[in-house]
PDB file of N, CA and C in Angstrom:
ATOM      1  N   MET A   1     106.640  91.193  -0.168  1.00  0.00           N
ATOM      2  CA  MET A   1     106.600  91.233   1.282  1.00  0.00           C
ATOM      3  C   MET A   1     106.712  89.833   1.864  1.00  0.00           C
ATOM      4  N   GLY A   2     106.127  88.832   1.216  1.00  0.00           N
ATOM      5  CA  GLY A   2     106.165  87.473   1.730  1.00  0.00           C
ATOM      6  C   GLY A   2     107.585  86.972   1.921  1.00  0.00           C
ATOM      7  N   LEU A   3     108.439  87.184   0.925  1.00  0.00           N
ATOM      8  CA  LEU A   3     109.830  86.750   1.033  1.00  0.00           C
ATOM      9  C   LEU A   3     110.539  87.504   2.144  1.00  0.00           C
ATOM     10  N   ASN A   4     110.329  88.820   2.239  1.00  0.00           N
ATOM     11  CA  ASN A   4     110.935  89.620   3.290  1.00  0.00           C
ATOM     12  C   ASN A   4     110.463  89.148   4.664  1.00  0.00           C
ATOM     13  N   ARG A   5     109.177  88.855   4.807  1.00  0.00           N
ATOM     14  CA  ARG A   5     108.619  88.387   6.073  1.00  0.00           C
ATOM     15  C   ARG A   5     109.249  87.046   6.456  1.00  0.00           C
ATOM     16  N   ASN A   6     109.396  86.129   5.490  1.00  0.00           N
ATOM     17  CA  ASN A   6     110.020  84.842   5.772  1.00  0.00           C
ATOM     18  C   ASN A   6     111.466  85.021   6.197  1.00  0.00           C
ATOM     19  N   PHE A   7     112.179  85.910   5.569  1.00  0.00           N
ATOM     20  CA  PHE A   7     113.565  86.182   5.938  1.00  0.00           C
ATOM     21  C   PHE A   7     113.643  86.708   7.364  1.00  0.00           C
ATOM     22  N   LEU A   8     112.783  87.676   7.687  1.00  0.00           N
ATOM     23  CA  LEU A   8     112.787  88.250   9.030  1.00  0.00           C
ATOM     24  C   LEU A   8     112.352  87.236  10.075  1.00  0.00           C
ATOM     25  N   MET A   9     111.418  86.372   9.736  1.00  0.00           N
ATOM     26  CA  MET A   9     110.996  85.352  10.693  1.00  0.00           C
ATOM     27  C   MET A   9     112.159  84.427  11.013  1.00  0.00           C
ATOM     28  N   GLY A  10     112.980  84.134  10.015  1.00  0.00           N
ATOM     29  CA  GLY A  10     114.163  83.313  10.253  1.00  0.00           C
ATOM     30  C   GLY A  10     115.121  83.999  11.204  1.00  0.00           C
ATOM     31  N   GLN A  11     115.248  85.306  11.107  1.00  0.00           N
ATOM     32  CA  GLN A  11     116.139  86.064  11.983  1.00  0.00           C
ATOM     33  C   GLN A  11     115.580  86.189  13.387  1.00  0.00           C
ATOM     34  N   ASN A  12     114.276  86.326  13.493  1.00  0.00           N
ATOM     35  CA  ASN A  12     113.657  86.674  14.762  1.00  0.00           C
ATOM     36  C   ASN A  12     112.869  85.543  15.401  1.00  0.00           C
ATOM     37  N   GLY A  13     112.846  84.386  14.779  1.00  0.00           N
ATOM     38  CA  GLY A  13     112.134  83.260  15.348  1.00  0.00           C
ATOM     39  C   GLY A  13     110.647  83.522  15.441  1.00  0.00           C
ATOM     40  N   ASP A  14     110.138  83.721  16.640  1.00  0.00           N
ATOM     41  CA  ASP A  14     108.704  83.861  16.863  1.00  0.00           C
ATOM     42  C   ASP A  14     108.205  85.302  16.745  1.00  0.00           C
ATOM     43  N   LEU A  15     109.024  86.204  16.281  1.00  0.00           N
ATOM     44  CA  LEU A  15     108.663  87.608  16.087  1.00  0.00           C
ATOM     45  C   LEU A  15     108.350  88.332  17.397  1.00  0.00           C
ATOM     46  N   LYS A  16     108.936  87.891  18.495  1.00  0.00           N
ATOM     47  CA  LYS A  16     108.763  88.582  19.771  1.00  0.00           C
ATOM     48  C   LYS A  16     109.916  89.527  20.066  1.00  0.00           C
ATOM     49  N   GLY A  17     111.033  89.329  19.432  1.00  0.00           N
ATOM     50  CA  GLY A  17     112.186  90.220  19.528  1.00  0.00           C
ATOM     51  C   GLY A  17     112.526  90.674  18.123  1.00  0.00           C
ATOM     52  N   ILE A  18     112.000  91.809  17.712  1.00  0.00           N
ATOM     53  CA  ILE A  18     112.078  92.226  16.315  1.00  0.00           C
ATOM     54  C   ILE A  18     113.088  93.351  16.134  1.00  0.00           C
ATOM     55  N   LYS A  19     113.999  93.132  15.204  1.00  0.00           N
ATOM     56  CA  LYS A  19     115.050  94.107  14.916  1.00  0.00           C
ATOM     57  C   LYS A  19     114.539  95.179  13.966  1.00  0.00           C
ATOM     58  N   ALA A  20     114.955  96.409  14.237  1.00  0.00           N
ATOM     59  CA  ALA A  20     114.630  97.541  13.364  1.00  0.00           C
ATOM     60  C   ALA A  20     115.810  98.511  13.419  1.00  0.00           C
ATOM     61  N   MET A  21     115.794  99.463  12.529  1.00  0.00           N
ATOM     62  CA  MET A  21     116.819 100.511  12.508  1.00  0.00           C
ATOM     63  C   MET A  21     116.129 101.848  12.745  1.00  0.00           C
ATOM     64  N   MET A  22     116.651 102.584  13.735  1.00  0.00           N
ATOM     65  CA  MET A  22     116.063 103.868  14.096  1.00  0.00           C
ATOM     66  C   MET A  22     117.054 104.983  13.794  1.00  0.00           C
ATOM     67  N   THR A  23     116.599 105.978  13.030  1.00  0.00           N
ATOM     68  CA  THR A  23     117.379 107.191  12.830  1.00  0.00           C
ATOM     69  C   THR A  23     116.988 108.144  13.945  1.00  0.00           C
ATOM     70  N   VAL A  24     117.945 108.459  14.797  1.00  0.00           N
ATOM     71  CA  VAL A  24     117.703 109.277  15.987  1.00  0.00           C
ATOM     72  C   VAL A  24     117.638 110.743  15.594  1.00  0.00           C
ATOM     73  N   GLU A  25     116.567 111.389  15.975  1.00  0.00           N
ATOM     74  CA  GLU A  25     116.438 112.830  15.807  1.00  0.00           C
ATOM     75  C   GLU A  25     115.930 113.402  17.113  1.00  0.00           C
ATOM     76  N   ASN A  26     115.888 114.707  17.203  1.00  0.00           N
ATOM     77  CA  ASN A  26     115.412 115.322  18.435  1.00  0.00           C
ATOM     78  C   ASN A  26     114.578 116.558  18.159  1.00  0.00           C
ATOM     79  N   THR A  27     113.748 116.850  19.137  1.00  0.00           N
ATOM     80  CA  THR A  27     112.965 118.067  19.171  1.00  0.00           C
ATOM     81  C   THR A  27     112.817 118.438  20.636  1.00  0.00           C
ATOM     82  N   SER A  28     113.101 119.652  20.955  1.00  0.00           N
ATOM     83  CA  SER A  28     113.102 120.104  22.347  1.00  0.00           C
ATOM     84  C   SER A  28     113.979 119.183  23.181  1.00  0.00           C
ATOM     85  N   SER A  29     113.401 118.516  24.163  1.00  0.00           N
ATOM     86  CA  SER A  29     114.191 117.626  25.020  1.00  0.00           C
ATOM     87  C   SER A  29     113.843 116.163  24.774  1.00  0.00           C
ATOM     88  N   GLN A  30     113.417 115.842  23.543  1.00  0.00           N
ATOM     89  CA  GLN A  30     113.066 114.474  23.182  1.00  0.00           C
ATOM     90  C   GLN A  30     114.056 113.956  22.151  1.00  0.00           C
ATOM     91  N   TYR A  31     114.519 112.700  22.361  1.00  0.00           N
ATOM     92  CA  TYR A  31     115.518 112.106  21.480  1.00  0.00           C
ATOM     93  C   TYR A  31     115.091 110.705  21.102  1.00  0.00           C
ATOM     94  N   GLY A  32     115.084 110.419  19.806  1.00  0.00           N
ATOM     95  CA  GLY A  32     114.736 109.094  19.327  1.00  0.00           C
ATOM     96  C   GLY A  32     113.799 109.179  18.149  1.00  0.00           C
ATOM     97  N   PHE A  33     112.634 108.502  18.274  1.00  0.00           N
ATOM     98  CA  PHE A  33     111.666 108.403  17.185  1.00  0.00           C
ATOM     99  C   PHE A  33     110.252 108.585  17.722  1.00  0.00           C
ATOM    100  N   LYS A  34     109.497 109.469  17.062  1.00  0.00           N
ATOM    101  CA  LYS A  34     108.071 109.622  17.340  1.00  0.00           C
ATOM    102  C   LYS A  34     107.388 109.739  15.983  1.00  0.00           C
ATOM    103  N   ASN A  35     106.562 108.755  15.664  1.00  0.00           N
ATOM    104  CA  ASN A  35     105.963 108.628  14.343  1.00  0.00           C
ATOM    105  C   ASN A  35     105.268 109.909  13.907  1.00  0.00           C
ATOM    106  N   GLY A  36     105.696 110.450  12.765  1.00  0.00           N
ATOM    107  CA  GLY A  36     105.095 111.652  12.214  1.00  0.00           C
ATOM    108  C   GLY A  36     105.664 112.952  12.752  1.00  0.00           C
ATOM    109  N   TYR A  37     106.557 112.893  13.737  1.00  0.00           N
ATOM    110  CA  TYR A  37     107.109 114.107  14.342  1.00  0.00           C
ATOM    111  C   TYR A  37     108.619 114.215  14.181  1.00  0.00           C
ATOM    112  N   PHE A  38     109.346 113.184  14.580  1.00  0.00           N
ATOM    113  CA  PHE A  38     110.802 113.220  14.422  1.00  0.00           C
ATOM    114  C   PHE A  38     111.357 111.799  14.395  1.00  0.00           C
ATOM    115  N   GLY A  39     112.514 111.674  13.786  1.00  0.00           N
ATOM    116  CA  GLY A  39     113.159 110.373  13.661  1.00  0.00           C
ATOM    117  C   GLY A  39     112.496 109.487  12.623  1.00  0.00           C
ATOM    118  N   ARG A  40     113.139 108.343  12.364  1.00  0.00           N
ATOM    119  CA  ARG A  40     112.604 107.360  11.418  1.00  0.00           C
ATOM    120  C   ARG A  40     112.847 105.971  11.985  1.00  0.00           C
ATOM    121  N   LEU A  41     111.988 105.041  11.607  1.00  0.00           N
ATOM    122  CA  LEU A  41     112.129 103.650  12.018  1.00  0.00           C
ATOM    123  C   LEU A  41     111.838 102.777  10.817  1.00  0.00           C
ATOM    124  N   SER A  42     112.703 101.811  10.584  1.00  0.00           N
ATOM    125  CA  SER A  42     112.515 100.914   9.450  1.00  0.00           C
ATOM    126  C   SER A  42     112.841  99.486   9.888  1.00  0.00           C
ATOM    127  N   PRO A  43     111.949  98.542   9.640  1.00  0.00           N
ATOM    128  CA  PRO A  43     110.633  98.708   9.034  1.00  0.00           C
ATOM    129  C   PRO A  43     109.624  99.205  10.065  1.00  0.00           C
ATOM    130  N   ASN A  44     108.626  99.891   9.609  1.00  0.00           N
ATOM    131  CA  ASN A  44     107.519 100.321  10.455  1.00  0.00           C
ATOM    132  C   ASN A  44     106.286 100.438   9.583  1.00  0.00           C
ATOM    133  N   PRO A  45     105.292  99.587   9.742  1.00  0.00           N
ATOM    134  CA  PRO A  45     105.089  98.638  10.812  1.00  0.00           C
ATOM    135  C   PRO A  45     106.132  97.527  10.792  1.00  0.00           C
ATOM    136  N   LEU A  46     106.312  96.919  11.971  1.00  0.00           N
ATOM    137  CA  LEU A  46     107.245  95.808  12.140  1.00  0.00           C
ATOM    138  C   LEU A  46     106.685  94.568  11.448  1.00  0.00           C
ATOM    139  N   PRO A  47     107.518  93.553  11.206  1.00  0.00           N
ATOM    140  CA  PRO A  47     107.042  92.335  10.533  1.00  0.00           C
ATOM    141  C   PRO A  47     105.872  91.634  11.230  1.00  0.00           C
ATOM    142  N   ASN A  48     105.661  91.875  12.527  1.00  0.00           N
ATOM    143  CA  ASN A  48     104.515  91.263  13.211  1.00  0.00           C
ATOM    144  C   ASN A  48     103.255  92.127  13.088  1.00  0.00           C
ATOM    145  N   GLY A  49     103.327  93.208  12.302  1.00  0.00           N
ATOM    146  CA  GLY A  49     102.177  94.058  12.042  1.00  0.00           C
ATOM    147  C   GLY A  49     102.005  95.232  12.987  1.00  0.00           C
ATOM    148  N   VAL A  50     102.865  95.350  14.001  1.00  0.00           N
ATOM    149  CA  VAL A  50     102.755  96.438  14.978  1.00  0.00           C
ATOM    150  C   VAL A  50     103.349  97.716  14.404  1.00  0.00           C
ATOM    151  N   LEU A  51     102.564  98.800  14.436  1.00  0.00           N
ATOM    152  CA  LEU A  51     103.050 100.118  14.033  1.00  0.00           C
ATOM    153  C   LEU A  51     103.622 100.796  15.272  1.00  0.00           C
ATOM    154  N   VAL A  52     104.928 101.014  15.296  1.00  0.00           N
ATOM    155  CA  VAL A  52     105.581 101.677  16.420  1.00  0.00           C
ATOM    156  C   VAL A  52     105.314 103.171  16.300  1.00  0.00           C
ATOM    157  N   THR A  53     104.774 103.771  17.352  1.00  0.00           N
ATOM    158  CA  THR A  53     104.488 105.192  17.314  1.00  0.00           C
ATOM    159  C   THR A  53     105.438 106.005  18.181  1.00  0.00           C
ATOM    160  N   LYS A  54     106.049 105.362  19.193  1.00  0.00           N
ATOM    161  CA  LYS A  54     106.985 106.081  20.068  1.00  0.00           C
ATOM    162  C   LYS A  54     108.135 105.179  20.488  1.00  0.00           C
ATOM    163  N   CYS A  55     109.314 105.717  20.404  1.00  0.00           N
ATOM    164  CA  CYS A  55     110.519 105.110  20.967  1.00  0.00           C
ATOM    165  C   CYS A  55     111.499 106.259  21.178  1.00  0.00           C
ATOM    166  N   TYR A  56     111.300 106.969  22.277  1.00  0.00           N
ATOM    167  CA  TYR A  56     112.141 108.128  22.522  1.00  0.00           C
ATOM    168  C   TYR A  56     112.275 108.385  24.017  1.00  0.00           C
ATOM    169  N   ILE A  57     113.329 109.114  24.342  1.00  0.00           N
ATOM    170  CA  ILE A  57     113.554 109.595  25.706  1.00  0.00           C
ATOM    171  C   ILE A  57     112.996 111.010  25.775  1.00  0.00           C
ATOM    172  N   GLY A  58     112.177 111.252  26.781  1.00  0.00           N
ATOM    173  CA  GLY A  58     111.608 112.573  26.960  1.00  0.00           C
ATOM    174  C   GLY A  58     112.155 113.230  28.211  1.00  0.00           C
ATOM    175  N   SER A  59     111.387 114.133  28.742  1.00  0.00           N
ATOM    176  CA  SER A  59     111.815 114.834  29.948  1.00  0.00           C
ATOM    177  C   SER A  59     112.020 113.843  31.086  1.00  0.00           C
ATOM    178  N   LEU A  60     112.894 114.176  31.987  1.00  0.00           N
ATOM    179  CA  LEU A  60     113.246 113.343  33.132  1.00  0.00           C
ATOM    180  C   LEU A  60     113.905 112.020  32.731  1.00  0.00           C
ATOM    181  N   ASN A  61     114.467 111.960  31.511  1.00  0.00           N
ATOM    182  CA  ASN A  61     115.165 110.770  31.007  1.00  0.00           C
ATOM    183  C   ASN A  61     114.279 109.528  31.001  1.00  0.00           C
ATOM    184  N   ILE A  62     112.989 109.689  30.742  1.00  0.00           N
ATOM    185  CA  ILE A  62     112.055 108.564  30.757  1.00  0.00           C
ATOM    186  C   ILE A  62     111.811 108.068  29.345  1.00  0.00           C
ATOM    187  N   LEU A  63     111.940 106.738  29.162  1.00  0.00           N
ATOM    188  CA  LEU A  63     111.726 106.111  27.867  1.00  0.00           C
ATOM    189  C   LEU A  63     110.233 105.960  27.598  1.00  0.00           C
ATOM    190  N   ASN A  64     109.805 106.435  26.449  1.00  0.00           N
ATOM    191  CA  ASN A  64     108.417 106.304  26.004  1.00  0.00           C
ATOM    192  C   ASN A  64     108.367 105.306  24.860  1.00  0.00           C
ATOM    193  N   LEU A  65     107.617 104.228  25.034  1.00  0.00           N
ATOM    194  CA  LEU A  65     107.408 103.224  23.995  1.00  0.00           C
ATOM    195  C   LEU A  65     105.913 103.093  23.743  1.00  0.00           C
ATOM    196  N   ALA A  66     105.514 103.016  22.497  1.00  0.00           N
ATOM    197  CA  ALA A  66     104.108 102.787  22.165  1.00  0.00           C
ATOM    198  C   ALA A  66     104.047 102.110  20.806  1.00  0.00           C
ATOM    199  N   PRO A  67     103.068 101.225  20.631  1.00  0.00           N
ATOM    200  CA  PRO A  67     101.929 100.942  21.483  1.00  0.00           C
ATOM    201  C   PRO A  67     102.317 100.088  22.680  1.00  0.00           C
ATOM    202  N   GLU A  68     101.361  99.856  23.559  1.00  0.00           N
ATOM    203  CA  GLU A  68     101.651  99.157  24.806  1.00  0.00           C
ATOM    204  C   GLU A  68     101.976  97.683  24.607  1.00  0.00           C
ATOM    205  N   SER A  69     101.769  97.135  23.424  1.00  0.00           N
ATOM    206  CA  SER A  69     102.161  95.744  23.162  1.00  0.00           C
ATOM    207  C   SER A  69     103.685  95.587  23.185  1.00  0.00           C
ATOM    208  N   ILE A  70     104.423  96.697  23.020  1.00  0.00           N
ATOM    209  CA  ILE A  70     105.881  96.670  23.144  1.00  0.00           C
ATOM    210  C   ILE A  70     106.206  96.726  24.629  1.00  0.00           C
ATOM    211  N   LYS A  71     106.821  95.685  25.132  1.00  0.00           N
ATOM    212  CA  LYS A  71     107.111  95.601  26.569  1.00  0.00           C
ATOM    213  C   LYS A  71     108.455  96.220  26.924  1.00  0.00           C
ATOM    214  N   SER A  72     109.404  96.160  25.987  1.00  0.00           N
ATOM    215  CA  SER A  72     110.726  96.744  26.214  1.00  0.00           C
ATOM    216  C   SER A  72     111.441  96.822  24.872  1.00  0.00           C
ATOM    217  N   CYS A  73     112.607  97.470  24.885  1.00  0.00           N
ATOM    218  CA  CYS A  73     113.435  97.496  23.692  1.00  0.00           C
ATOM    219  C   CYS A  73     114.898  97.443  24.109  1.00  0.00           C
ATOM    220  N   THR A  74     115.711  96.944  23.193  1.00  0.00           N
ATOM    221  CA  THR A  74     117.147  96.875  23.430  1.00  0.00           C
ATOM    222  C   THR A  74     117.824  97.890  22.528  1.00  0.00           C
ATOM    223  N   ILE A  75     118.585  98.790  23.160  1.00  0.00           N
ATOM    224  CA  ILE A  75     119.364  99.797  22.447  1.00  0.00           C
ATOM    225  C   ILE A  75     120.760  99.760  23.033  1.00  0.00           C
ATOM    226  N   ASN A  76     121.768  99.692  22.163  1.00  0.00           N
ATOM    227  CA  ASN A  76     123.163  99.678  22.607  1.00  0.00           C
ATOM    228  C   ASN A  76     123.419  98.513  23.572  1.00  0.00           C
ATOM    229  N   ASN A  77     122.823  97.351  23.246  1.00  0.00           N
ATOM    230  CA  ASN A  77     122.991  96.102  24.007  1.00  0.00           C
ATOM    231  C   ASN A  77     122.431  96.149  25.418  1.00  0.00           C
ATOM    232  N   ILE A  78     121.561  97.114  25.724  1.00  0.00           N
ATOM    233  CA  ILE A  78     120.917  97.196  27.036  1.00  0.00           C
ATOM    234  C   ILE A  78     119.405  97.220  26.814  1.00  0.00           C
ATOM    235  N   THR A  79     118.674  96.422  27.590  1.00  0.00           N
ATOM    236  CA  THR A  79     117.223  96.354  27.462  1.00  0.00           C
ATOM    237  C   THR A  79     116.568  97.305  28.455  1.00  0.00           C
ATOM    238  N   TYR A  80     115.633  98.099  27.932  1.00  0.00           N
ATOM    239  CA  TYR A  80     114.933  99.113  28.719  1.00  0.00           C
ATOM    240  C   TYR A  80     113.444  98.851  28.674  1.00  0.00           C
ATOM    241  N   GLY A  81     112.762  98.994  29.808  1.00  0.00           N
ATOM    242  CA  GLY A  81     111.316  98.862  29.858  1.00  0.00           C
ATOM    243  C   GLY A  81     110.644 100.186  29.571  1.00  0.00           C
ATOM    244  N   THR A  82     109.358 100.107  29.275  1.00  0.00           N
ATOM    245  CA  THR A  82     108.571 101.311  29.045  1.00  0.00           C
ATOM    246  C   THR A  82     108.564 102.187  30.296  1.00  0.00           C
ATOM    247  N   PHE A  83     108.747 103.455  30.108  1.00  0.00           N
ATOM    248  CA  PHE A  83     108.754 104.465  31.171  1.00  0.00           C
ATOM    249  C   PHE A  83     109.912 104.303  32.157  1.00  0.00           C
ATOM    250  N   ALA A  84     110.947 103.567  31.762  1.00  0.00           N
ATOM    251  CA  ALA A  84     112.119 103.414  32.631  1.00  0.00           C
ATOM    252  C   ALA A  84     113.004 104.655  32.504  1.00  0.00           C
ATOM    253  N   PRO A  85     113.331 105.316  33.613  1.00  0.00           N
ATOM    254  CA  PRO A  85     114.247 106.463  33.536  1.00  0.00           C
ATOM    255  C   PRO A  85     115.680 105.976  33.402  1.00  0.00           C
ATOM    256  N   ASP A  86     116.442 106.568  32.487  1.00  0.00           N
ATOM    257  CA  ASP A  86     117.818 106.141  32.307  1.00  0.00           C
ATOM    258  C   ASP A  86     118.656 107.253  31.678  1.00  0.00           C
ATOM    259  N   ALA A  87     119.535 107.850  32.466  1.00  0.00           N
ATOM    260  CA  ALA A  87     120.385 108.941  31.988  1.00  0.00           C
ATOM    261  C   ALA A  87     121.400 108.447  30.956  1.00  0.00           C
ATOM    262  N   ALA A  88     121.865 107.200  31.089  1.00  0.00           N
ATOM    263  CA  ALA A  88     122.839 106.659  30.130  1.00  0.00           C
ATOM    264  C   ALA A  88     122.223 106.533  28.744  1.00  0.00           C
ATOM    265  N   LEU A  89     120.946 106.119  28.677  1.00  0.00           N
ATOM    266  CA  LEU A  89     120.270 106.020  27.383  1.00  0.00           C
ATOM    267  C   LEU A  89     120.090 107.408  26.775  1.00  0.00           C
ATOM    268  N   THR A  90     119.737 108.374  27.587  1.00  0.00           N
ATOM    269  CA  THR A  90     119.607 109.748  27.100  1.00  0.00           C
ATOM    270  C   THR A  90     120.921 110.219  26.500  1.00  0.00           C
ATOM    271  N   SER A  91     122.016 109.988  27.199  1.00  0.00           N
ATOM    272  CA  SER A  91     123.339 110.383  26.714  1.00  0.00           C
ATOM    273  C   SER A  91     123.672 109.688  25.400  1.00  0.00           C
ATOM    274  N   TYR A  92     123.383 108.392  25.317  1.00  0.00           N
ATOM    275  CA  TYR A  92     123.660 107.623  24.099  1.00  0.00           C
ATOM    276  C   TYR A  92     122.860 108.188  22.921  1.00  0.00           C
ATOM    277  N   LEU A  93     121.578 108.441  23.123  1.00  0.00           N
ATOM    278  CA  LEU A  93     120.751 108.971  22.036  1.00  0.00           C
ATOM    279  C   LEU A  93     121.204 110.369  21.627  1.00  0.00           C
ATOM    280  N   LYS A  94     121.572 111.206  22.581  1.00  0.00           N
ATOM    281  CA  LYS A  94     122.064 112.554  22.257  1.00  0.00           C
ATOM    282  C   LYS A  94     123.321 112.480  21.397  1.00  0.00           C
ATOM    283  N   ARG A  95     124.222 111.543  21.720  1.00  0.00           N
ATOM    284  CA  ARG A  95     125.463 111.382  20.948  1.00  0.00           C
ATOM    285  C   ARG A  95     125.202 110.851  19.542  1.00  0.00           C
ATOM    286  N   ASN A  96     124.037 110.247  19.337  1.00  0.00           N
ATOM    287  CA  ASN A  96     123.746 109.613  18.053  1.00  0.00           C
ATOM    288  C   ASN A  96     122.659 110.316  17.244  1.00  0.00           C
ATOM    289  N   VAL A  97     122.367 111.570  17.568  1.00  0.00           N
ATOM    290  CA  VAL A  97     121.401 112.334  16.776  1.00  0.00           C
ATOM    291  C   VAL A  97     121.907 112.400  15.331  1.00  0.00           C
ATOM    292  N   GLY A  98     121.025 112.073  14.403  1.00  0.00           N
ATOM    293  CA  GLY A  98     121.371 112.076  12.984  1.00  0.00           C
ATOM    294  C   GLY A  98     121.930 110.754  12.495  1.00  0.00           C
ATOM    295  N   LYS A  99     122.178 109.825  13.405  1.00  0.00           N
ATOM    296  CA  LYS A  99     122.716 108.507  13.033  1.00  0.00           C
ATOM    297  C   LYS A  99     121.611 107.464  13.101  1.00  0.00           C
ATOM    298  N   THR A 100     121.844 106.351  12.407  1.00  0.00           N
ATOM    299  CA  THR A 100     120.907 105.238  12.421  1.00  0.00           C
ATOM    300  C   THR A 100     121.478 104.146  13.305  1.00  0.00           C
ATOM    301  N   ILE A 101     120.680 103.720  14.284  1.00  0.00           N
ATOM    302  CA  ILE A 101     121.133 102.732  15.265  1.00  0.00           C
ATOM    303  C   ILE A 101     120.172 101.538  15.273  1.00  0.00           C
ATOM    304  N   PRO A 102     120.671 100.353  15.644  1.00  0.00           N
ATOM    305  CA  PRO A 102     119.785  99.189  15.744  1.00  0.00           C
ATOM    306  C   PRO A 102     118.964  99.221  17.032  1.00  0.00           C
ATOM    307  N   VAL A 103     117.724  98.743  16.935  1.00  0.00           N
ATOM    308  CA  VAL A 103     116.824  98.641  18.074  1.00  0.00           C
ATOM    309  C   VAL A 103     116.128  97.288  17.959  1.00  0.00           C
ATOM    310  N   ILE A 104     115.965  96.612  19.080  1.00  0.00           N
ATOM    311  CA  ILE A 104     115.193  95.366  19.100  1.00  0.00           C
ATOM    312  C   ILE A 104     113.979  95.611  19.989  1.00  0.00           C
ATOM    313  N   PHE A 105     112.787  95.381  19.430  1.00  0.00           N
ATOM    314  CA  PHE A 105     111.544  95.546  20.173  1.00  0.00           C
ATOM    315  C   PHE A 105     111.106  94.196  20.713  1.00  0.00           C
ATOM    316  N   HIS A 106     110.748  94.165  22.000  1.00  0.00           N
ATOM    317  CA  HIS A 106     110.356  92.923  22.671  1.00  0.00           C
ATOM    318  C   HIS A 106     108.873  92.933  22.992  1.00  0.00           C
ATOM    319  N   PHE A 107     108.238  91.807  22.716  1.00  0.00           N
ATOM    320  CA  PHE A 107     106.811  91.606  22.947  1.00  0.00           C
ATOM    321  C   PHE A 107     106.637  90.400  23.849  1.00  0.00           C
ATOM    322  N   ASP A 108     105.449  90.250  24.442  1.00  0.00           N
ATOM    323  CA  ASP A 108     105.158  89.055  25.245  1.00  0.00           C
ATOM    324  C   ASP A 108     105.067  87.837  24.369  1.00  0.00           C
TER     325      ASP A 108
END
């Protein structure tokens, strides 16, 4: 893990913008990743020790991110805040169900 952590620190600098890969899945009207329910995220926990529990679009096209230490994430080169409604993100995630996409998690 030490070597992997050093490699990731080189990629991410101060570990405030951390790259991960999310396999998009869905259940009902939710698309993305919810720990233990649907989708996958790797690595999880992230190199800064944060266990991501939610990164999905739910009803009303609202982005759910948890824990609250995650301030926003970048998907498809667009940065979204927690609870931000976005129909374009919903469409993107729906088109990518079953695929693995890059996600960058942003912290303070």
